[in-house]
């Protein structure tokens, strides 16, 4: 039976925060040392949170939408900074979808 949509337990939030910070630091170091990225910290942040968001999605935790909203919001700014406004617009749309997804999943979790 597939998992039902639920809220992240306290331990899950702690794991998600710790994993996000560790991944962010590791990915930033890799980008600084081995690439010519002009925005290594922002790139690492969005990648780290995307990994954690996917992990939370696999557990069907409603709060994963908040993670995606953070990723999308930072990505909008990143693409505007890089001069790619159309892609920034796409991520703005993703932000709206993340808000809608969170509202829907929160309702589903409450109904369970």
N, C-alpha and C. Protein backbone atom coordinates (compact mmCIF):
# COMPACT_ATOMS: atom_id res chain seq x y z
N UNK A 1 0.85 -1.19 0.00
CA UNK A 1 0.00 0.00 0.00
C UNK A 1 0.88 1.24 0.00
N UNK A 2 0.58 2.20 -0.85
CA UNK A 2 1.39 3.42 -0.90
C UNK A 2 1.27 4.22 0.40
N UNK A 3 2.32 4.96 0.67
CA UNK A 3 2.32 5.81 1.86
C UNK A 3 1.28 6.91 1.73
N UNK A 4 0.69 7.26 2.86
CA UNK A 4 -0.24 8.38 2.88
C UNK A 4 0.56 9.66 3.11
N UNK A 5 0.00 10.77 2.68
CA UNK A 5 0.62 12.07 2.93
C UNK A 5 0.53 12.36 4.42
N UNK A 6 1.67 12.70 5.01
CA UNK A 6 1.73 13.03 6.43
C UNK A 6 2.59 14.27 6.63
N UNK A 7 2.67 14.70 7.88
CA UNK A 7 3.58 15.78 8.22
C UNK A 7 4.91 15.18 8.66
N UNK A 8 5.98 15.89 8.44
CA UNK A 8 7.31 15.41 8.84
C UNK A 8 7.39 15.33 10.36
N UNK A 9 7.87 14.20 10.87
CA UNK A 9 8.06 14.11 12.32
C UNK A 9 9.25 14.96 12.75
N UNK A 10 9.36 15.22 14.03
CA UNK A 10 10.46 16.04 14.54
C UNK A 10 11.82 15.52 14.13
N UNK A 11 12.02 14.21 14.22
CA UNK A 11 13.32 13.64 13.84
C UNK A 11 13.59 13.87 12.36
N UNK A 12 12.54 13.83 11.54
CA UNK A 12 12.70 14.02 10.10
C UNK A 12 13.14 15.44 9.77
N UNK A 13 12.58 16.39 10.49
CA UNK A 13 12.97 17.78 10.29
C UNK A 13 14.43 17.98 10.69
N UNK A 14 14.83 17.37 11.81
CA UNK A 14 16.23 17.48 12.26
C UNK A 14 17.18 16.85 11.25
N UNK A 15 16.82 15.69 10.73
CA UNK A 15 17.66 15.02 9.73
C UNK A 15 17.74 15.87 8.46
N UNK A 16 16.60 16.42 8.05
CA UNK A 16 16.57 17.24 6.83
C UNK A 16 17.44 18.48 6.98
N UNK A 17 17.36 19.14 8.13
CA UNK A 17 18.18 20.34 8.37
C UNK A 17 19.67 19.98 8.41
N UNK A 18 20.01 18.93 9.13
CA UNK A 18 21.42 18.53 9.23
C UNK A 18 21.96 18.11 7.87
N UNK A 19 21.19 17.32 7.14
CA UNK A 19 21.64 16.87 5.81
C UNK A 19 21.79 18.05 4.87
N UNK A 20 20.86 18.99 4.94
CA UNK A 20 20.94 20.18 4.08
C UNK A 20 22.22 20.95 4.34
N UNK A 21 22.54 21.17 5.59
CA UNK A 21 23.73 21.95 5.93
C UNK A 21 25.01 21.21 5.52
N UNK A 22 25.06 19.91 5.78
CA UNK A 22 26.25 19.14 5.41
C UNK A 22 26.43 19.08 3.90
N UNK A 23 25.34 18.81 3.19
CA UNK A 23 25.42 18.76 1.73
C UNK A 23 25.79 20.12 1.16
N UNK A 24 25.22 21.19 1.71
CA UNK A 24 25.53 22.54 1.24
C UNK A 24 27.03 22.81 1.36
N UNK A 25 27.58 22.49 2.52
CA UNK A 25 29.02 22.73 2.74
C UNK A 25 29.87 21.88 1.79
N UNK A 26 29.52 20.61 1.67
CA UNK A 26 30.29 19.71 0.80
C UNK A 26 30.21 20.14 -0.66
N UNK A 27 29.00 20.43 -1.12
CA UNK A 27 28.82 20.82 -2.53
C UNK A 27 29.48 22.17 -2.82
N UNK A 28 29.40 23.10 -1.88
CA UNK A 28 30.06 24.40 -2.07
C UNK A 28 31.56 24.20 -2.20
N UNK A 29 32.13 23.37 -1.34
CA UNK A 29 33.57 23.09 -1.41
C UNK A 29 33.93 22.49 -2.77
N UNK A 30 33.14 21.50 -3.21
CA UNK A 30 33.41 20.87 -4.51
C UNK A 30 33.33 21.89 -5.65
N UNK A 31 32.33 22.74 -5.61
CA UNK A 31 32.18 23.75 -6.66
C UNK A 31 33.33 24.76 -6.65
N UNK A 32 33.76 25.14 -5.47
CA UNK A 32 34.86 26.10 -5.36
C UNK A 32 36.17 25.48 -5.83
N UNK A 33 36.41 24.26 -5.42
CA UNK A 33 37.69 23.60 -5.73
C UNK A 33 37.80 23.09 -7.16
N UNK A 34 36.68 22.63 -7.73
CA UNK A 34 36.78 21.90 -8.99
C UNK A 34 36.01 22.50 -10.17
N UNK A 35 35.37 23.65 -9.98
CA UNK A 35 34.65 24.28 -11.08
C UNK A 35 34.97 25.77 -11.12
N UNK A 36 34.46 26.42 -12.13
CA UNK A 36 34.63 27.87 -12.22
C UNK A 36 33.30 28.59 -11.93
N UNK A 37 32.46 27.95 -11.12
CA UNK A 37 31.17 28.54 -10.77
C UNK A 37 31.36 29.92 -10.15
N UNK A 38 30.59 30.88 -10.62
CA UNK A 38 30.65 32.23 -10.05
C UNK A 38 29.70 32.39 -8.87
N UNK A 39 28.87 31.39 -8.66
CA UNK A 39 27.91 31.42 -7.55
C UNK A 39 27.88 30.05 -6.85
N UNK A 40 29.01 29.62 -6.32
CA UNK A 40 29.07 28.26 -5.76
C UNK A 40 28.16 28.05 -4.56
N UNK A 41 28.01 29.05 -3.72
CA UNK A 41 27.18 28.86 -2.52
C UNK A 41 25.70 28.76 -2.88
N UNK A 42 25.24 29.57 -3.81
CA UNK A 42 23.84 29.49 -4.24
C UNK A 42 23.58 28.20 -4.99
N UNK A 43 24.50 27.81 -5.87
CA UNK A 43 24.35 26.54 -6.60
C UNK A 43 24.32 25.36 -5.63
N UNK A 44 25.22 25.38 -4.66
CA UNK A 44 25.29 24.29 -3.69
C UNK A 44 24.02 24.25 -2.83
N UNK A 45 23.53 25.43 -2.46
CA UNK A 45 22.31 25.51 -1.65
C UNK A 45 21.13 24.87 -2.37
N UNK A 46 20.92 25.26 -3.62
CA UNK A 46 19.76 24.72 -4.35
C UNK A 46 19.92 23.23 -4.61
N UNK A 47 21.12 22.78 -4.86
CA UNK A 47 21.34 21.34 -5.08
C UNK A 47 21.13 20.55 -3.80
N UNK A 48 21.68 21.04 -2.69
CA UNK A 48 21.53 20.35 -1.41
C UNK A 48 20.05 20.26 -1.02
N UNK A 49 19.34 21.36 -1.14
CA UNK A 49 17.93 21.33 -0.78
C UNK A 49 17.10 20.48 -1.74
N UNK A 50 17.50 20.42 -3.00
CA UNK A 50 16.80 19.56 -3.95
C UNK A 50 16.95 18.09 -3.57
N UNK A 51 18.13 17.70 -3.13
CA UNK A 51 18.35 16.32 -2.69
C UNK A 51 17.50 16.02 -1.46
N UNK A 52 17.52 16.92 -0.49
CA UNK A 52 16.73 16.73 0.72
C UNK A 52 15.23 16.76 0.40
N UNK A 53 14.81 17.66 -0.47
CA UNK A 53 13.41 17.72 -0.86
C UNK A 53 12.94 16.43 -1.52
N UNK A 54 13.79 15.84 -2.33
CA UNK A 54 13.45 14.57 -2.98
C UNK A 54 13.32 13.46 -1.94
N UNK A 55 14.22 13.45 -0.96
CA UNK A 55 14.14 12.47 0.14
C UNK A 55 12.83 12.62 0.90
N UNK A 56 12.45 13.88 1.18
CA UNK A 56 11.19 14.13 1.90
C UNK A 56 9.99 13.76 1.04
N UNK A 57 10.07 14.02 -0.25
CA UNK A 57 9.00 13.66 -1.18
C UNK A 57 8.78 12.15 -1.18
N UNK A 58 9.87 11.37 -1.16
CA UNK A 58 9.76 9.92 -1.15
C UNK A 58 9.02 9.42 0.10
N UNK A 59 9.06 10.21 1.17
CA UNK A 59 8.35 9.85 2.40
C UNK A 59 6.95 10.47 2.47
N UNK A 60 6.61 11.23 1.44
CA UNK A 60 5.30 11.90 1.33
C UNK A 60 5.03 12.83 2.51
N UNK A 61 6.06 13.59 2.89
CA UNK A 61 5.90 14.58 3.94
C UNK A 61 5.47 15.89 3.30
N UNK A 62 4.39 16.46 3.78
CA UNK A 62 3.86 17.70 3.20
C UNK A 62 4.88 18.83 3.21
N UNK A 63 5.74 18.85 4.20
CA UNK A 63 6.72 19.94 4.32
C UNK A 63 7.76 19.96 3.20
N UNK A 64 7.84 18.90 2.42
CA UNK A 64 8.78 18.90 1.30
C UNK A 64 8.48 20.03 0.33
N UNK A 65 7.21 20.45 0.27
CA UNK A 65 6.85 21.57 -0.60
C UNK A 65 7.50 22.86 -0.14
N UNK A 66 7.69 23.02 1.16
CA UNK A 66 8.38 24.21 1.67
C UNK A 66 9.83 24.23 1.20
N UNK A 67 10.43 23.05 1.18
CA UNK A 67 11.82 22.95 0.71
C UNK A 67 11.88 23.35 -0.76
N UNK A 68 10.94 22.83 -1.57
CA UNK A 68 10.93 23.18 -3.00
C UNK A 68 10.67 24.66 -3.21
N UNK A 69 9.84 25.26 -2.35
CA UNK A 69 9.59 26.69 -2.47
C UNK A 69 10.88 27.47 -2.22
N UNK A 70 11.67 27.06 -1.23
CA UNK A 70 12.94 27.72 -0.96
C UNK A 70 13.90 27.55 -2.14
N UNK A 71 13.95 26.34 -2.69
CA UNK A 71 14.81 26.08 -3.85
C UNK A 71 14.38 26.98 -5.01
N UNK A 72 13.09 27.01 -5.29
CA UNK A 72 12.59 27.79 -6.43
C UNK A 72 12.83 29.29 -6.24
N UNK A 73 12.62 29.79 -5.03
CA UNK A 73 12.81 31.22 -4.78
C UNK A 73 14.28 31.63 -4.98
N UNK A 74 15.19 30.82 -4.46
CA UNK A 74 16.61 31.12 -4.63
C UNK A 74 17.00 31.00 -6.10
N UNK A 75 16.43 30.00 -6.77
CA UNK A 75 16.75 29.78 -8.18
C UNK A 75 16.26 30.94 -9.05
N UNK A 76 15.11 31.51 -8.72
CA UNK A 76 14.62 32.68 -9.46
C UNK A 76 15.66 33.80 -9.37
N UNK A 77 16.12 34.08 -8.16
CA UNK A 77 17.13 35.12 -7.99
C UNK A 77 18.43 34.78 -8.70
N UNK A 78 18.81 33.53 -8.64
CA UNK A 78 20.05 33.09 -9.28
C UNK A 78 19.99 33.28 -10.79
N UNK A 79 18.87 32.89 -11.40
CA UNK A 79 18.76 33.03 -12.86
C UNK A 79 18.61 34.49 -13.28
N UNK A 80 17.96 35.30 -12.46
CA UNK A 80 17.91 36.73 -12.77
C UNK A 80 19.31 37.31 -12.71
N UNK A 81 20.07 36.94 -11.70
CA UNK A 81 21.45 37.41 -11.56
C UNK A 81 22.30 36.99 -12.75
N UNK A 82 22.07 35.78 -13.24
CA UNK A 82 22.83 35.25 -14.37
C UNK A 82 22.33 35.76 -15.71
N UNK A 83 21.26 36.56 -15.70
CA UNK A 83 20.75 37.13 -16.95
C UNK A 83 19.93 36.15 -17.79
N UNK A 84 19.22 35.26 -17.12
CA UNK A 84 18.38 34.27 -17.81
C UNK A 84 16.95 34.44 -17.31
N UNK A 85 16.27 35.53 -17.70
CA UNK A 85 14.96 35.84 -17.14
C UNK A 85 13.86 34.84 -17.49
N UNK A 86 13.93 34.22 -18.65
CA UNK A 86 12.87 33.26 -19.01
C UNK A 86 12.91 32.05 -18.07
N UNK A 87 14.11 31.57 -17.79
CA UNK A 87 14.24 30.45 -16.86
C UNK A 87 13.85 30.89 -15.45
N UNK A 88 14.17 32.11 -15.08
CA UNK A 88 13.73 32.64 -13.79
C UNK A 88 12.21 32.64 -13.71
N UNK A 89 11.56 33.01 -14.82
CA UNK A 89 10.10 32.99 -14.87
C UNK A 89 9.55 31.59 -14.69
N UNK A 90 10.22 30.60 -15.27
CA UNK A 90 9.80 29.21 -15.11
C UNK A 90 9.86 28.80 -13.64
N UNK A 91 10.93 29.20 -12.96
CA UNK A 91 11.05 28.86 -11.54
C UNK A 91 10.08 29.66 -10.68
N UNK A 92 9.67 30.83 -11.13
CA UNK A 92 8.60 31.56 -10.44
C UNK A 92 7.30 30.77 -10.53
N UNK A 93 7.05 30.19 -11.70
CA UNK A 93 5.88 29.33 -11.87
C UNK A 93 5.98 28.11 -10.96
N UNK A 94 7.16 27.51 -10.89
CA UNK A 94 7.37 26.38 -9.98
C UNK A 94 7.09 26.78 -8.53
N UNK A 95 7.43 28.02 -8.17
CA UNK A 95 7.14 28.50 -6.82
C UNK A 95 5.65 28.51 -6.55
N UNK A 96 4.87 28.98 -7.52
CA UNK A 96 3.41 28.99 -7.36
C UNK A 96 2.88 27.56 -7.25
N UNK A 97 3.43 26.66 -8.02
CA UNK A 97 3.01 25.26 -7.95
C UNK A 97 3.38 24.64 -6.60
N UNK A 98 4.52 25.03 -6.05
CA UNK A 98 4.92 24.53 -4.73
C UNK A 98 3.96 25.00 -3.65
N UNK A 99 3.51 26.24 -3.74
CA UNK A 99 2.53 26.74 -2.77
C UNK A 99 1.23 25.95 -2.90
N UNK A 100 0.76 25.75 -4.12
CA UNK A 100 -0.47 24.99 -4.35
C UNK A 100 -0.32 23.55 -3.87
N UNK A 101 0.83 22.95 -4.13
CA UNK A 101 1.08 21.58 -3.69
C UNK A 101 1.08 21.48 -2.18
N UNK A 102 1.69 22.44 -1.52
CA UNK A 102 1.73 22.42 -0.05
C UNK A 102 0.33 22.54 0.53
N UNK A 103 -0.46 23.44 0.00
CA UNK A 103 -1.83 23.60 0.50
C UNK A 103 -2.61 22.30 0.34
N UNK A 104 -2.48 21.70 -0.83
CA UNK A 104 -3.22 20.45 -1.09
C UNK A 104 -2.73 19.31 -0.20
N UNK A 105 -1.42 19.15 -0.07
CA UNK A 105 -0.89 18.06 0.76
C UNK A 105 -1.18 18.29 2.22
N UNK A 106 -1.18 19.54 2.66
CA UNK A 106 -1.51 19.82 4.07
C UNK A 106 -2.93 19.40 4.37
N UNK A 107 -3.85 19.69 3.43
CA UNK A 107 -5.24 19.26 3.59
C UNK A 107 -5.34 17.73 3.63
N UNK A 108 -4.61 17.07 2.73
CA UNK A 108 -4.64 15.60 2.69
C UNK A 108 -4.10 15.01 3.98
N UNK A 109 -3.03 15.60 4.51
CA UNK A 109 -2.45 15.09 5.76
C UNK A 109 -3.44 15.28 6.92
N UNK A 110 -4.14 16.40 6.93
CA UNK A 110 -5.11 16.66 8.00
C UNK A 110 -6.31 15.72 7.91
N UNK A 111 -6.66 15.30 6.70
CA UNK A 111 -7.81 14.42 6.51
C UNK A 111 -7.51 12.97 6.89
N UNK A 112 -6.27 12.62 7.03
CA UNK A 112 -5.89 11.22 7.32
C UNK A 112 -6.15 10.87 8.77
